[in-house]
Protein backbone atom coordinates (compact mmCIF):
# COMPACT_ATOMS: atom_id res chain seq x y z
CA MET A 1 -25.17 33.98 2.35
CA TRP A 2 -25.14 31.88 5.50
CA LEU A 3 -25.57 28.19 5.14
CA ARG A 4 -27.56 27.80 8.00
CA ASP A 5 -30.14 29.81 6.38
CA ILE A 6 -30.73 27.11 3.51
CA GLN A 7 -33.74 24.84 4.12
CA ASN A 8 -33.02 21.39 4.24
CA LEU A 9 -29.35 21.92 4.36
CA GLN A 10 -28.41 18.53 5.89
CA HIS A 11 -30.39 16.82 3.19
CA GLY A 12 -28.45 18.58 0.35
CA THR A 13 -25.35 18.09 -1.58
CA LEU A 14 -21.90 20.06 -0.91
CA VAL A 15 -20.39 20.41 -4.32
CA ASP A 16 -16.82 21.48 -4.51
CA VAL A 17 -16.28 23.03 -8.09
CA ARG A 18 -12.67 23.54 -8.06
CA ASN A 19 -10.45 21.45 -10.32
CA ARG A 20 -9.46 18.13 -9.30
CA GLU A 21 -5.82 19.02 -8.12
CA GLU A 22 -7.25 21.80 -5.88
CA TYR A 23 -9.66 19.32 -4.54
CA ASP A 24 -7.20 16.71 -3.81
CA LEU A 25 -5.24 18.66 -1.59
CA ASN A 26 -7.87 19.43 0.52
CA HIS A 27 -11.72 19.60 0.65
CA ILE A 28 -14.67 19.13 3.02
CA PRO A 29 -15.47 15.47 3.64
CA GLY A 30 -18.24 14.10 1.95
CA ALA A 31 -18.30 16.94 -0.84
CA VAL A 32 -18.64 15.99 -4.42
CA ASN A 33 -16.17 17.21 -6.96
CA ILE A 34 -17.30 18.64 -10.42
CA PRO A 35 -15.00 21.29 -11.62
CA TRP A 36 -16.45 24.55 -12.62
CA ASP A 37 -15.02 24.68 -16.10
CA ILE A 38 -16.78 21.25 -17.23
CA HIS A 39 -19.81 21.24 -14.63
CA LEU A 40 -22.24 21.28 -17.96
CA TYR A 41 -20.55 17.63 -18.67
CA TYR A 42 -21.96 16.66 -15.31
CA LEU A 43 -25.54 17.51 -15.73
CA ASP A 44 -26.80 14.15 -15.69
CA GLU A 45 -24.90 13.01 -12.63
CA LEU A 46 -25.68 16.49 -10.77
CA GLN A 47 -29.55 15.97 -11.32
CA GLU A 48 -29.23 12.63 -9.34
CA LEU A 49 -27.78 14.28 -6.27
CA PRO A 50 -30.02 15.60 -3.68
CA ARG A 51 -30.77 19.31 -3.38
CA PRO A 52 -30.18 21.75 -2.29
CA TRP A 53 -26.74 22.04 -4.10
CA ILE A 54 -24.34 24.04 -1.96
CA LEU A 55 -21.52 25.03 -4.48
CA PHE A 56 -18.27 26.38 -3.12
CA CYS A 57 -14.62 26.96 -4.33
CA GLU A 58 -11.61 28.69 -3.19
CA GLU A 59 -13.00 32.14 -2.85
CA GLY A 60 -16.54 32.04 -4.18
CA TYR A 61 -15.96 33.38 -7.62
CA ARG A 62 -16.11 30.18 -9.49
CA SER A 63 -18.82 28.75 -7.45
CA GLY A 64 -21.04 31.79 -8.00
CA LEU A 65 -20.38 31.63 -11.91
CA VAL A 66 -21.61 27.74 -11.62
CA ALA A 67 -24.49 28.68 -9.48
CA LEU A 68 -25.80 31.46 -12.07
CA SER A 69 -25.28 28.89 -14.87
CA LEU A 70 -27.42 26.19 -13.25
CA LYS A 71 -30.29 28.77 -12.22
CA ALA A 72 -30.27 30.23 -15.84
CA LEU A 73 -30.67 26.40 -17.06
CA GLY A 74 -33.60 26.45 -14.63
CA PHE A 75 -32.43 24.30 -11.77
CA GLU A 76 -33.54 25.52 -8.03
CA GLU A 77 -32.22 25.08 -4.96
CA VAL A 78 -28.86 26.16 -6.03
CA TYR A 79 -26.55 28.05 -3.42
CA ASN A 80 -23.37 29.69 -3.75
CA GLY A 81 -21.71 28.41 -0.56
CA GLY A 82 -18.66 30.90 -1.03
CA SER A 83 -15.13 29.70 0.01
CA TRP A 84 -14.82 25.99 0.91
CA ARG A 85 -13.03 27.04 4.10
CA ASP A 86 -15.61 29.16 5.24
CA ALA A 87 -18.13 26.73 4.36
CA ALA A 88 -16.24 24.18 6.19
CA GLN A 89 -16.10 26.11 9.54
CA GLU A 90 -19.97 27.26 9.40
CA LEU A 91 -20.73 23.37 8.80
CA ASP A 92 -18.72 22.62 11.85
CA GLU A 93 -20.47 25.42 14.03
CA ILE A 94 -23.66 24.08 12.89
CA GLU A 95 -23.00 20.34 13.72
CA ALA A 96 -21.44 21.63 17.07
CA ALA A 97 -24.52 23.63 17.78
CA ALA A 98 -26.95 20.47 17.13
């Protein structure tokens, strides 16, 4: 999925689901860190964040698991953004085209 295809992308929240150590090494500016393995503990905080929620991690596997989990719980406007590097590059391209 291309990020540019997500409606209201600019009003949503970027959610980095990598662990804290990975996030601290490098991440997309403005992204919120909610580690994939404990994301269920953050449901209250997550619900306060604007949607759509674009989830990403190192390669897209963990973000895919979290997206499936949240959708199974009934959340809508949840997207697997794949790799954080690919997401960062596409966001830069979107911004440059604007």
